[in-house]
Structure formats: structure tokens, C-alpha cells
Amino acid sequence: MDIIYYLASCDTCRKIIKSLPKEHDFKFHDIKQDPITVAEIEKMRELSGSYEALFSKKAQLYKSMDLKNKSLTEDDYKKYILEHYTFLSRPVFIIKDKIYIGNTQQNMLQVMKALV
């Protein structure tokens, strides 16, 4: 089953979800209400190639924790994503064992093509 990892309180995520085809059967995973498991993050990493690809450098905690001035490893990225949902770049779609990360226009076009 195709899945979307999102944040229910995020306006951008809500807008994207509204734009999805109604007939497509997604499993919706609100990462704030139901934190990501180690198995889920490891599957995402396997599909994306790295934890860094899943990590949001736009997160307010990234700035407030001064992480931009630290040299982070893959283990650090994984640890931070598991510790706090805000570090996951959102939304994350897994469609037919392909991963689509983030809300860029190009990424959303690829998601829509994958749903056809």
C-alpha cells in the first residue's frame, strides 16, 4: 500500500493532500501523532539513499540547536529524525516502492505522475 508521511498541522501538507486524486488509496501517517519507527526510517533511507535526504534543514529546531554549524553524520541525521518529527522533510510519499521527499513543485509533479 502506498503511504504518505505528513504533519496534520502543516498547511502545506494539508493543501497537498487535498490535491491528491480521491480514488487513490493511501495510508496516511501523521508523524506527530504516530512517531516514525526505526524500521520505517530505515526503509525510507534504503529507498532514498541517505538519512540526510530525509532531513529538513528548514526546521526551526535545526536553527535553534545550531546544527547548521555542526558537521552531522548519517547517524546524527537518523537520530534527530527519530527524536523529533520536525526534522523529517515533509511530506514523504512511498508509492510503488519509490520515495518522494518534500513539497517542491517538481517533486509533487513526480508524485502525480506516479499516481497515474
PDB file of N, CA and C in Angstrom:
ATOM      1  N   MET A   1       0.840  -1.181   0.000  1.00  0.00           N
ATOM      2  CA  MET A   1       0.000   0.000   0.000  1.00  0.00           C
ATOM      3  C   MET A   1       0.883   1.242   0.000  1.00  0.00           C
ATOM      4  N   ASP A   2       0.478   2.223  -0.751  1.00  0.00           N
ATOM      5  CA  ASP A   2       1.194   3.490  -0.807  1.00  0.00           C
ATOM      6  C   ASP A   2       0.936   4.267   0.484  1.00  0.00           C
ATOM      7  N   ILE A   3       1.946   5.003   0.920  1.00  0.00           N
ATOM      8  CA  ILE A   3       1.857   5.705   2.201  1.00  0.00           C
ATOM      9  C   ILE A   3       2.338   7.133   2.065  1.00  0.00           C
ATOM     10  N   ILE A   4       1.762   7.999   2.859  1.00  0.00           N
ATOM     11  CA  ILE A   4       2.224   9.380   2.944  1.00  0.00           C
ATOM     12  C   ILE A   4       2.503   9.693   4.406  1.00  0.00           C
ATOM     13  N   TYR A   5       3.718  10.129   4.664  1.00  0.00           N
ATOM     14  CA  TYR A   5       4.112  10.604   5.993  1.00  0.00           C
ATOM     15  C   TYR A   5       3.965  12.113   5.961  1.00  0.00           C
ATOM     16  N   TYR A   6       3.173  12.644   6.873  1.00  0.00           N
ATOM     17  CA  TYR A   6       2.862  14.068   6.833  1.00  0.00           C
ATOM     18  C   TYR A   6       2.639  14.582   8.251  1.00  0.00           C
ATOM     19  N   LEU A   7       2.403  15.874   8.341  1.00  0.00           N
ATOM     20  CA  LEU A   7       2.090  16.523   9.610  1.00  0.00           C
ATOM     21  C   LEU A   7       0.714  17.162   9.460  1.00  0.00           C
ATOM     22  N   ALA A   8      -0.250  16.699  10.234  1.00  0.00           N
ATOM     23  CA  ALA A   8      -1.634  17.168  10.100  1.00  0.00           C
ATOM     24  C   ALA A   8      -1.769  18.665  10.358  1.00  0.00           C
ATOM     25  N   SER A   9      -0.897  19.215  11.174  1.00  0.00           N
ATOM     26  CA  SER A   9      -0.979  20.650  11.489  1.00  0.00           C
ATOM     27  C   SER A   9      -0.264  21.530  10.467  1.00  0.00           C
ATOM     28  N   CYS A  10       0.344  20.931   9.461  1.00  0.00           N
ATOM     29  CA  CYS A  10       1.090  21.676   8.437  1.00  0.00           C
ATOM     30  C   CYS A  10       0.158  22.072   7.294  1.00  0.00           C
ATOM     31  N   ASP A  11       0.024  23.368   7.067  1.00  0.00           N
ATOM     32  CA  ASP A  11      -0.841  23.868   5.994  1.00  0.00           C
ATOM     33  C   ASP A  11      -0.421  23.329   4.631  1.00  0.00           C
ATOM     34  N   THR A  12       0.872  23.281   4.386  1.00  0.00           N
ATOM     35  CA  THR A  12       1.368  22.791   3.095  1.00  0.00           C
ATOM     36  C   THR A  12       0.994  21.330   2.898  1.00  0.00           C
ATOM     37  N   CYS A  13       1.165  20.513   3.934  1.00  0.00           N
ATOM     38  CA  CYS A  13       0.801  19.096   3.832  1.00  0.00           C
ATOM     39  C   CYS A  13      -0.691  18.943   3.571  1.00  0.00           C
ATOM     40  N   ARG A  14      -1.517  19.715   4.268  1.00  0.00           N
ATOM     41  CA  ARG A  14      -2.974  19.636   4.078  1.00  0.00           C
ATOM     42  C   ARG A  14      -3.360  20.021   2.653  1.00  0.00           C
ATOM     43  N   LYS A  15      -2.724  21.057   2.134  1.00  0.00           N
ATOM     44  CA  LYS A  15      -3.001  21.505   0.762  1.00  0.00           C
ATOM     45  C   LYS A  15      -2.617  20.414  -0.243  1.00  0.00           C
ATOM     46  N   ILE A  16      -1.480  19.795  -0.034  1.00  0.00           N
ATOM     47  CA  ILE A  16      -1.020  18.726  -0.929  1.00  0.00           C
ATOM     48  C   ILE A  16      -1.974  17.538  -0.867  1.00  0.00           C
ATOM     49  N   ILE A  17      -2.388  17.162   0.322  1.00  0.00           N
ATOM     50  CA  ILE A  17      -3.295  16.024   0.478  1.00  0.00           C
ATOM     51  C   ILE A  17      -4.622  16.302  -0.228  1.00  0.00           C
ATOM     52  N   LYS A  18      -5.114  17.523  -0.131  1.00  0.00           N
ATOM     53  CA  LYS A  18      -6.368  17.891  -0.821  1.00  0.00           C
ATOM     54  C   LYS A  18      -6.231  17.759  -2.335  1.00  0.00           C
ATOM     55  N   SER A  19      -5.021  17.980  -2.851  1.00  0.00           N
ATOM     56  CA  SER A  19      -4.814  17.948  -4.295  1.00  0.00           C
ATOM     57  C   SER A  19      -4.630  16.530  -4.845  1.00  0.00           C
ATOM     58  N   LEU A  20      -4.507  15.542  -3.968  1.00  0.00           N
ATOM     59  CA  LEU A  20      -4.288  14.166  -4.417  1.00  0.00           C
ATOM     60  C   LEU A  20      -5.571  13.579  -5.006  1.00  0.00           C
ATOM     61  N   PRO A  21      -5.424  12.682  -5.979  1.00  0.00           N
ATOM     62  CA  PRO A  21      -6.615  12.037  -6.542  1.00  0.00           C
ATOM     63  C   PRO A  21      -7.387  11.291  -5.447  1.00  0.00           C
ATOM     64  N   LYS A  22      -8.689  11.523  -5.385  1.00  0.00           N
ATOM     65  CA  LYS A  22      -9.525  10.932  -4.327  1.00  0.00           C
ATOM     66  C   LYS A  22      -9.597   9.410  -4.417  1.00  0.00           C
ATOM     67  N   GLU A  23      -9.468   8.895  -5.642  1.00  0.00           N
ATOM     68  CA  GLU A  23      -9.613   7.450  -5.821  1.00  0.00           C
ATOM     69  C   GLU A  23      -8.366   6.661  -5.401  1.00  0.00           C
ATOM     70  N   HIS A  24      -7.263   7.354  -5.178  1.00  0.00           N
ATOM     71  CA  HIS A  24      -6.044   6.647  -4.782  1.00  0.00           C
ATOM     72  C   HIS A  24      -6.113   6.295  -3.302  1.00  0.00           C
ATOM     73  N   ASP A  25      -5.759   5.063  -2.995  1.00  0.00           N
ATOM     74  CA  ASP A  25      -5.860   4.559  -1.628  1.00  0.00           C
ATOM     75  C   ASP A  25      -4.508   4.678  -0.912  1.00  0.00           C
ATOM     76  N   PHE A  26      -4.341   5.766  -0.164  1.00  0.00           N
ATOM     77  CA  PHE A  26      -3.127   5.989   0.616  1.00  0.00           C
ATOM     78  C   PHE A  26      -3.333   5.561   2.052  1.00  0.00           C
ATOM     79  N   LYS A  27      -2.256   5.138   2.682  1.00  0.00           N
ATOM     80  CA  LYS A  27      -2.234   5.023   4.136  1.00  0.00           C
ATOM     81  C   LYS A  27      -1.641   6.351   4.617  1.00  0.00           C
ATOM     82  N   PHE A  28      -2.369   7.066   5.455  1.00  0.00           N
ATOM     83  CA  PHE A  28      -1.913   8.358   5.957  1.00  0.00           C
ATOM     84  C   PHE A  28      -1.268   8.173   7.320  1.00  0.00           C
ATOM     85  N   HIS A  29      -0.048   8.673   7.458  1.00  0.00           N
ATOM     86  CA  HIS A  29       0.704   8.522   8.696  1.00  0.00           C
ATOM     87  C   HIS A  29       1.083   9.912   9.218  1.00  0.00           C
ATOM     88  N   ASP A  30       0.352  10.376  10.222  1.00  0.00           N
ATOM     89  CA  ASP A  30       0.649  11.663  10.857  1.00  0.00           C
ATOM     90  C   ASP A  30       1.832  11.454  11.804  1.00  0.00           C
ATOM     91  N   ILE A  31       2.966  12.047  11.458  1.00  0.00           N
ATOM     92  CA  ILE A  31       4.207  11.777  12.189  1.00  0.00           C
ATOM     93  C   ILE A  31       4.249  12.393  13.585  1.00  0.00           C
ATOM     94  N   LYS A  32       3.343  13.323  13.866  1.00  0.00           N
ATOM     95  CA  LYS A  32       3.289  13.900  15.215  1.00  0.00           C
ATOM     96  C   LYS A  32       2.488  12.981  16.140  1.00  0.00           C
ATOM     97  N   GLN A  33       1.366  12.484  15.653  1.00  0.00           N
ATOM     98  CA  GLN A  33       0.513  11.610  16.455  1.00  0.00           C
ATOM     99  C   GLN A  33       1.081  10.198  16.580  1.00  0.00           C
ATOM    100  N   ASP A  34       1.783   9.760  15.556  1.00  0.00           N
ATOM    101  CA  ASP A  34       2.313   8.400  15.493  1.00  0.00           C
ATOM    102  C   ASP A  34       3.768   8.479  15.011  1.00  0.00           C
ATOM    103  N   PRO A  35       4.702   8.672  15.943  1.00  0.00           N
ATOM    104  CA  PRO A  35       6.110   8.865  15.540  1.00  0.00           C
ATOM    105  C   PRO A  35       6.644   7.750  14.645  1.00  0.00           C
ATOM    106  N   ILE A  36       7.580   8.131  13.817  1.00  0.00           N
ATOM    107  CA  ILE A  36       8.218   7.195  12.894  1.00  0.00           C
ATOM    108  C   ILE A  36       9.034   6.179  13.692  1.00  0.00           C
ATOM    109  N   THR A  37       8.968   4.937  13.271  1.00  0.00           N
ATOM    110  CA  THR A  37       9.724   3.870  13.930  1.00  0.00           C
ATOM    111  C   THR A  37      11.101   3.733  13.275  1.00  0.00           C
ATOM    112  N   VAL A  38      11.965   3.007  13.943  1.00  0.00           N
ATOM    113  CA  VAL A  38      13.297   2.734  13.391  1.00  0.00           C
ATOM    114  C   VAL A  38      13.158   1.984  12.066  1.00  0.00           C
ATOM    115  N   ALA A  39      12.260   0.996  12.017  1.00  0.00           N
ATOM    116  CA  ALA A  39      12.062   0.222  10.782  1.00  0.00           C
ATOM    117  C   ALA A  39      11.589   1.123   9.640  1.00  0.00           C
ATOM    118  N   GLU A  40      10.691   2.066   9.925  1.00  0.00           N
ATOM    119  CA  GLU A  40      10.189   2.965   8.882  1.00  0.00           C
ATOM    120  C   GLU A  40      11.284   3.885   8.368  1.00  0.00           C
ATOM    121  N   ILE A  41      12.075   4.459   9.270  1.00  0.00           N
ATOM    122  CA  ILE A  41      13.139   5.374   8.830  1.00  0.00           C
ATOM    123  C   ILE A  41      14.213   4.612   8.055  1.00  0.00           C
ATOM    124  N   GLU A  42      14.460   3.362   8.455  1.00  0.00           N
ATOM    125  CA  GLU A  42      15.455   2.560   7.738  1.00  0.00           C
ATOM    126  C   GLU A  42      14.957   2.204   6.334  1.00  0.00           C
ATOM    127  N   LYS A  43      13.663   1.952   6.201  1.00  0.00           N
ATOM    128  CA  LYS A  43      13.079   1.689   4.867  1.00  0.00           C
ATOM    129  C   LYS A  43      13.181   2.953   4.003  1.00  0.00           C
ATOM    130  N   MET A  44      12.871   4.112   4.597  1.00  0.00           N
ATOM    131  CA  MET A  44      12.978   5.370   3.848  1.00  0.00           C
ATOM    132  C   MET A  44      14.418   5.612   3.407  1.00  0.00           C
ATOM    133  N   ARG A  45      15.363   5.321   4.273  1.00  0.00           N
ATOM    134  CA  ARG A  45      16.775   5.506   3.947  1.00  0.00           C
ATOM    135  C   ARG A  45      17.190   4.572   2.815  1.00  0.00           C
ATOM    136  N   GLU A  46      16.709   3.351   2.871  1.00  0.00           N
ATOM    137  CA  GLU A  46      17.010   2.377   1.820  1.00  0.00           C
ATOM    138  C   GLU A  46      16.511   2.884   0.463  1.00  0.00           C
ATOM    139  N   LEU A  47      15.318   3.474   0.454  1.00  0.00           N
ATOM    140  CA  LEU A  47      14.740   3.975  -0.796  1.00  0.00           C
ATOM    141  C   LEU A  47      15.376   5.287  -1.267  1.00  0.00           C
ATOM    142  N   SER A  48      15.781   6.134  -0.305  1.00  0.00           N
ATOM    143  CA  SER A  48      16.300   7.463  -0.668  1.00  0.00           C
ATOM    144  C   SER A  48      17.816   7.484  -0.842  1.00  0.00           C
ATOM    145  N   GLY A  49      18.497   6.550  -0.210  1.00  0.00           N
ATOM    146  CA  GLY A  49      19.958   6.502  -0.322  1.00  0.00           C
ATOM    147  C   GLY A  49      20.692   7.112   0.855  1.00  0.00           C
ATOM    148  N   SER A  50      20.006   7.936   1.663  1.00  0.00           N
ATOM    149  CA  SER A  50      20.668   8.529   2.828  1.00  0.00           C
ATOM    150  C   SER A  50      19.642   9.096   3.797  1.00  0.00           C
ATOM    151  N   TYR A  51      20.070   9.232   5.038  1.00  0.00           N
ATOM    152  CA  TYR A  51      19.224   9.898   6.037  1.00  0.00           C
ATOM    153  C   TYR A  51      19.220  11.406   5.782  1.00  0.00           C
ATOM    154  N   GLU A  52      20.328  11.920   5.276  1.00  0.00           N
ATOM    155  CA  GLU A  52      20.409  13.349   5.006  1.00  0.00           C
ATOM    156  C   GLU A  52      19.334  13.786   4.004  1.00  0.00           C
ATOM    157  N   ALA A  53      19.031  12.924   3.023  1.00  0.00           N
ATOM    158  CA  ALA A  53      17.997  13.242   2.032  1.00  0.00           C
ATOM    159  C   ALA A  53      16.625  13.401   2.683  1.00  0.00           C
ATOM    160  N   LEU A  54      16.431  12.772   3.824  1.00  0.00           N
ATOM    161  CA  LEU A  54      15.154  12.823   4.544  1.00  0.00           C
ATOM    162  C   LEU A  54      15.095  13.963   5.554  1.00  0.00           C
ATOM    163  N   PHE A  55      16.222  14.569   5.817  1.00  0.00           N
ATOM    164  CA  PHE A  55      16.365  15.555   6.891  1.00  0.00           C
ATOM    165  C   PHE A  55      16.001  16.957   6.407  1.00  0.00           C
ATOM    166  N   SER A  56      15.195  17.650   7.203  1.00  0.00           N
ATOM    167  CA  SER A  56      14.790  19.011   6.856  1.00  0.00           C
ATOM    168  C   SER A  56      15.716  20.032   7.519  1.00  0.00           C
ATOM    169  N   LYS A  57      16.444  20.746   6.684  1.00  0.00           N
ATOM    170  CA  LYS A  57      17.303  21.816   7.200  1.00  0.00           C
ATOM    171  C   LYS A  57      16.530  23.116   7.342  1.00  0.00           C
ATOM    172  N   LYS A  58      15.222  23.064   7.041  1.00  0.00           N
ATOM    173  CA  LYS A  58      14.358  24.232   7.219  1.00  0.00           C
ATOM    174  C   LYS A  58      13.687  24.224   8.597  1.00  0.00           C
ATOM    175  N   ALA A  59      13.831  23.134   9.322  1.00  0.00           N
ATOM    176  CA  ALA A  59      13.190  23.009  10.635  1.00  0.00           C
ATOM    177  C   ALA A  59      13.701  24.088  11.590  1.00  0.00           C
ATOM    178  N   GLN A  60      12.791  24.655  12.360  1.00  0.00           N
ATOM    179  CA  GLN A  60      13.187  25.688  13.324  1.00  0.00           C
ATOM    180  C   GLN A  60      14.183  25.139  14.350  1.00  0.00           C
ATOM    181  N   LEU A  61      14.010  23.889  14.730  1.00  0.00           N
ATOM    182  CA  LEU A  61      14.948  23.280  15.690  1.00  0.00           C
ATOM    183  C   LEU A  61      16.362  23.187  15.109  1.00  0.00           C
ATOM    184  N   TYR A  62      16.456  23.025  13.792  1.00  0.00           N
ATOM    185  CA  TYR A  62      17.765  22.954  13.140  1.00  0.00           C
ATOM    186  C   TYR A  62      18.548  24.230  13.407  1.00  0.00           C
ATOM    187  N   LYS A  63      17.842  25.361  13.331  1.00  0.00           N
ATOM    188  CA  LYS A  63      18.490  26.653  13.588  1.00  0.00           C
ATOM    189  C   LYS A  63      18.692  26.882  15.085  1.00  0.00           C
ATOM    190  N   SER A  64      17.655  26.613  15.871  1.00  0.00           N
ATOM    191  CA  SER A  64      17.748  26.906  17.307  1.00  0.00           C
ATOM    192  C   SER A  64      18.777  26.016  18.018  1.00  0.00           C
ATOM    193  N   MET A  65      18.991  24.808  17.502  1.00  0.00           N
ATOM    194  CA  MET A  65      20.004  23.914  18.084  1.00  0.00           C
ATOM    195  C   MET A  65      21.387  24.157  17.473  1.00  0.00           C
ATOM    196  N   ASP A  66      21.457  25.130  16.557  1.00  0.00           N
ATOM    197  CA  ASP A  66      22.703  25.490  15.871  1.00  0.00           C
ATOM    198  C   ASP A  66      23.342  24.295  15.148  1.00  0.00           C
ATOM    199  N   LEU A  67      22.496  23.443  14.580  1.00  0.00           N
ATOM    200  CA  LEU A  67      23.005  22.264  13.882  1.00  0.00           C
ATOM    201  C   LEU A  67      23.685  22.619  12.570  1.00  0.00           C
ATOM    202  N   LYS A  68      23.319  23.795  12.007  1.00  0.00           N
ATOM    203  CA  LYS A  68      23.924  24.176  10.730  1.00  0.00           C
ATOM    204  C   LYS A  68      25.423  24.417  10.856  1.00  0.00           C
ATOM    205  N   ASN A  69      25.892  24.674  12.063  1.00  0.00           N
ATOM    206  CA  ASN A  69      27.319  24.904  12.291  1.00  0.00           C
ATOM    207  C   ASN A  69      28.042  23.657  12.803  1.00  0.00           C
ATOM    208  N   LYS A  70      27.339  22.521  12.754  1.00  0.00           N
ATOM    209  CA  LYS A  70      27.947  21.252  13.173  1.00  0.00           C
ATOM    210  C   LYS A  70      28.063  20.344  11.961  1.00  0.00           C
ATOM    211  N   SER A  71      29.039  19.474  12.016  1.00  0.00           N
ATOM    212  CA  SER A  71      29.224  18.505  10.944  1.00  0.00           C
ATOM    213  C   SER A  71      28.442  17.242  11.320  1.00  0.00           C
ATOM    214  N   LEU A  72      27.281  17.062  10.694  1.00  0.00           N
ATOM    215  CA  LEU A  72      26.417  15.945  11.038  1.00  0.00           C
ATOM    216  C   LEU A  72      26.739  14.706  10.208  1.00  0.00           C
ATOM    217  N   THR A  73      26.666  13.551  10.855  1.00  0.00           N
ATOM    218  CA  THR A  73      26.882  12.270  10.178  1.00  0.00           C
ATOM    219  C   THR A  73      25.525  11.660   9.834  1.00  0.00           C
ATOM    220  N   GLU A  74      25.530  10.593   9.082  1.00  0.00           N
ATOM    221  CA  GLU A  74      24.287   9.881   8.768  1.00  0.00           C
ATOM    222  C   GLU A  74      23.604   9.414  10.062  1.00  0.00           C
ATOM    223  N   ASP A  75      24.392   8.943  11.027  1.00  0.00           N
ATOM    224  CA  ASP A  75      23.817   8.524  12.317  1.00  0.00           C
ATOM    225  C   ASP A  75      23.158   9.703  13.031  1.00  0.00           C
ATOM    226  N   ASP A  76      23.759  10.889  12.918  1.00  0.00           N
ATOM    227  CA  ASP A  76      23.158  12.091  13.526  1.00  0.00           C
ATOM    228  C   ASP A  76      21.817  12.406  12.879  1.00  0.00           C
ATOM    229  N   TYR A  77      21.767  12.381  11.550  1.00  0.00           N
ATOM    230  CA  TYR A  77      20.516  12.673  10.846  1.00  0.00           C
ATOM    231  C   TYR A  77      19.421  11.703  11.293  1.00  0.00           C
ATOM    232  N   LYS A  78      19.763  10.415  11.345  1.00  0.00           N
ATOM    233  CA  LYS A  78      18.801   9.400  11.771  1.00  0.00           C
ATOM    234  C   LYS A  78      18.331   9.683  13.196  1.00  0.00           C
ATOM    235  N   LYS A  79      19.265   9.963  14.087  1.00  0.00           N
ATOM    236  CA  LYS A  79      18.941  10.218  15.494  1.00  0.00           C
ATOM    237  C   LYS A  79      17.989  11.407  15.632  1.00  0.00           C
ATOM    238  N   TYR A  80      18.284  12.495  14.956  1.00  0.00           N
ATOM    239  CA  TYR A  80      17.446  13.693  15.064  1.00  0.00           C
ATOM    240  C   TYR A  80      16.050  13.472  14.484  1.00  0.00           C
ATOM    241  N   ILE A  81      15.958  12.758  13.363  1.00  0.00           N
ATOM    242  CA  ILE A  81      14.646  12.480  12.777  1.00  0.00           C
ATOM    243  C   ILE A  81      13.813  11.626  13.729  1.00  0.00           C
ATOM    244  N   LEU A  82      14.436  10.648  14.357  1.00  0.00           N
ATOM    245  CA  LEU A  82      13.708   9.793  15.294  1.00  0.00           C
ATOM    246  C   LEU A  82      13.347  10.529  16.584  1.00  0.00           C
ATOM    247  N   GLU A  83      14.177  11.489  16.987  1.00  0.00           N
ATOM    248  CA  GLU A  83      13.924  12.234  18.226  1.00  0.00           C
ATOM    249  C   GLU A  83      12.782  13.227  18.079  1.00  0.00           C
ATOM    250  N   HIS A  84      12.673  13.876  16.907  1.00  0.00           N
ATOM    251  CA  HIS A  84      11.644  14.901  16.764  1.00  0.00           C
ATOM    252  C   HIS A  84      11.130  14.941  15.325  1.00  0.00           C
ATOM    253  N   TYR A  85       9.821  14.838  15.185  1.00  0.00           N
ATOM    254  CA  TYR A  85       9.173  14.772  13.869  1.00  0.00           C
ATOM    255  C   TYR A  85       9.506  15.953  12.960  1.00  0.00           C
ATOM    256  N   THR A  86       9.829  17.092  13.541  1.00  0.00           N
ATOM    257  CA  THR A  86      10.067  18.294  12.728  1.00  0.00           C
ATOM    258  C   THR A  86      11.288  18.155  11.808  1.00  0.00           C
ATOM    259  N   PHE A  87      12.173  17.202  12.121  1.00  0.00           N
ATOM    260  CA  PHE A  87      13.372  17.029  11.304  1.00  0.00           C
ATOM    261  C   PHE A  87      13.128  16.213  10.026  1.00  0.00           C
ATOM    262  N   LEU A  88      11.955  15.616   9.888  1.00  0.00           N
ATOM    263  CA  LEU A  88      11.661  14.893   8.655  1.00  0.00           C
ATOM    264  C   LEU A  88      11.154  15.886   7.610  1.00  0.00           C
ATOM    265  N   SER A  89      11.778  15.876   6.457  1.00  0.00           N
ATOM    266  CA  SER A  89      11.322  16.726   5.359  1.00  0.00           C
ATOM    267  C   SER A  89       9.963  16.185   4.916  1.00  0.00           C
ATOM    268  N   ARG A  90       8.960  17.073   4.851  1.00  0.00           N
ATOM    269  CA  ARG A  90       7.601  16.604   4.625  1.00  0.00           C
ATOM    270  C   ARG A  90       6.994  17.204   3.362  1.00  0.00           C
ATOM    271  N   PRO A  91       6.014  16.499   2.825  1.00  0.00           N
ATOM    272  CA  PRO A  91       5.606  15.124   3.113  1.00  0.00           C
ATOM    273  C   PRO A  91       6.559  14.128   2.459  1.00  0.00           C
ATOM    274  N   VAL A  92       6.488  12.901   2.924  1.00  0.00           N
ATOM    275  CA  VAL A  92       7.239  11.811   2.302  1.00  0.00           C
ATOM    276  C   VAL A  92       6.207  10.834   1.752  1.00  0.00           C
ATOM    277  N   PHE A  93       6.298  10.588   0.459  1.00  0.00           N
ATOM    278  CA  PHE A  93       5.429   9.613  -0.192  1.00  0.00           C
ATOM    279  C   PHE A  93       6.237   8.369  -0.505  1.00  0.00           C
ATOM    280  N   ILE A  94       5.670   7.222  -0.254  1.00  0.00           N
ATOM    281  CA  ILE A  94       6.233   5.971  -0.765  1.00  0.00           C
ATOM    282  C   ILE A  94       5.147   5.374  -1.652  1.00  0.00           C
ATOM    283  N   ILE A  95       5.438   5.369  -2.955  1.00  0.00           N
ATOM    284  CA  ILE A  95       4.484   4.914  -3.961  1.00  0.00           C
ATOM    285  C   ILE A  95       5.154   3.832  -4.794  1.00  0.00           C
ATOM    286  N   LYS A  96       4.593   2.650  -4.747  1.00  0.00           N
ATOM    287  CA  LYS A  96       5.139   1.512  -5.518  1.00  0.00           C
ATOM    288  C   LYS A  96       6.646   1.359  -5.275  1.00  0.00           C
ATOM    289  N   ASP A  97       7.035   1.391  -4.023  1.00  0.00           N
ATOM    290  CA  ASP A  97       8.433   1.221  -3.602  1.00  0.00           C
ATOM    291  C   ASP A  97       9.389   2.275  -4.161  1.00  0.00           C
ATOM    292  N   LYS A  98       8.864   3.454  -4.487  1.00  0.00           N
ATOM    293  CA  LYS A  98       9.694   4.618  -4.812  1.00  0.00           C
ATOM    294  C   LYS A  98       9.369   5.696  -3.799  1.00  0.00           C
ATOM    295  N   ILE A  99      10.382   6.480  -3.441  1.00  0.00           N
ATOM    296  CA  ILE A  99      10.186   7.510  -2.423  1.00  0.00           C
ATOM    297  C   ILE A  99      10.238   8.899  -3.054  1.00  0.00           C
ATOM    298  N   TYR A 100       9.380   9.767  -2.540  1.00  0.00           N
ATOM    299  CA  TYR A 100       9.316  11.162  -2.974  1.00  0.00           C
ATOM    300  C   TYR A 100       9.326  12.000  -1.699  1.00  0.00           C
ATOM    301  N   ILE A 101      10.327  12.867  -1.582  1.00  0.00           N
ATOM    302  CA  ILE A 101      10.554  13.589  -0.335  1.00  0.00           C
ATOM    303  C   ILE A 101      10.386  15.089  -0.547  1.00  0.00           C
ATOM    304  N   GLY A 102       9.555  15.699   0.295  1.00  0.00           N
ATOM    305  CA  GLY A 102       9.427  17.148   0.292  1.00  0.00           C
ATOM    306  C   GLY A 102       8.291  17.655  -0.568  1.00  0.00           C
ATOM    307  N   ASN A 103       8.148  18.986  -0.560  1.00  0.00           N
ATOM    308  CA  ASN A 103       6.989  19.606  -1.196  1.00  0.00           C
ATOM    309  C   ASN A 103       7.344  20.524  -2.359  1.00  0.00           C
ATOM    310  N   THR A 104       8.498  20.303  -2.971  1.00  0.00           N
ATOM    311  CA  THR A 104       8.845  21.137  -4.118  1.00  0.00           C
ATOM    312  C   THR A 104       7.868  20.862  -5.265  1.00  0.00           C
ATOM    313  N   GLN A 105       7.725  21.823  -6.128  1.00  0.00           N
ATOM    314  CA  GLN A 105       6.817  21.670  -7.256  1.00  0.00           C
ATOM    315  C   GLN A 105       7.213  20.482  -8.128  1.00  0.00           C
ATOM    316  N   GLN A 106       8.513  20.336  -8.372  1.00  0.00           N
ATOM    317  CA  GLN A 106       8.985  19.229  -9.206  1.00  0.00           C
ATOM    318  C   GLN A 106       8.680  17.879  -8.540  1.00  0.00           C
ATOM    319  N   ASN A 107       8.901  17.802  -7.241  1.00  0.00           N
ATOM    320  CA  ASN A 107       8.624  16.561  -6.517  1.00  0.00           C
ATOM    321  C   ASN A 107       7.133  16.217  -6.593  1.00  0.00           C
ATOM    322  N   MET A 108       6.285  17.224  -6.429  1.00  0.00           N
ATOM    323  CA  MET A 108       4.845  16.981  -6.463  1.00  0.00           C
ATOM    324  C   MET A 108       4.387  16.565  -7.869  1.00  0.00           C
ATOM    325  N   LEU A 109       5.029  17.075  -8.912  1.00  0.00           N
ATOM    326  CA  LEU A 109       4.719  16.640 -10.277  1.00  0.00           C
ATOM    327  C   LEU A 109       5.079  15.162 -10.453  1.00  0.00           C
ATOM    328  N   GLN A 110       6.210  14.761  -9.874  1.00  0.00           N
ATOM    329  CA  GLN A 110       6.623  13.353  -9.957  1.00  0.00           C
ATOM    330  C   GLN A 110       5.641  12.460  -9.193  1.00  0.00           C
ATOM    331  N   VAL A 111       5.160  12.943  -8.048  1.00  0.00           N
ATOM    332  CA  VAL A 111       4.169  12.189  -7.269  1.00  0.00           C
ATOM    333  C   VAL A 111       2.913  11.992  -8.104  1.00  0.00           C
ATOM    334  N   MET A 112       2.421  13.075  -8.699  1.00  0.00           N
ATOM    335  CA  MET A 112       1.193  12.993  -9.500  1.00  0.00           C
ATOM    336  C   MET A 112       1.364  12.025 -10.691  1.00  0.00           C
ATOM    337  N   LYS A 113       2.534  12.048 -11.321  1.00  0.00           N
ATOM    338  CA  LYS A 113       2.794  11.117 -12.433  1.00  0.00           C
ATOM    339  C   LYS A 113       2.799   9.681 -11.941  1.00  0.00           C
ATOM    340  N   ALA A 114       3.365   9.456 -10.759  1.00  0.00           N
ATOM    341  CA  ALA A 114       3.441   8.109 -10.198  1.00  0.00           C
ATOM    342  C   ALA A 114       2.059   7.560  -9.843  1.00  0.00           C
ATOM    343  N   LEU A 115       1.110   8.449  -9.612  1.00  0.00           N
ATOM    344  CA  LEU A 115      -0.239   8.033  -9.209  1.00  0.00           C
ATOM    345  C   LEU A 115      -1.134   7.683 -10.404  1.00  0.00           C
ATOM    346  N   VAL A 116      -0.675   8.000 -11.589  1.00  0.00           N
ATOM    347  CA  VAL A 116      -1.496   7.736 -12.789  1.00  0.00           C
ATOM    348  C   VAL A 116      -1.429   6.279 -13.177  1.00  0.00           C
TER     349      VAL A 116
END
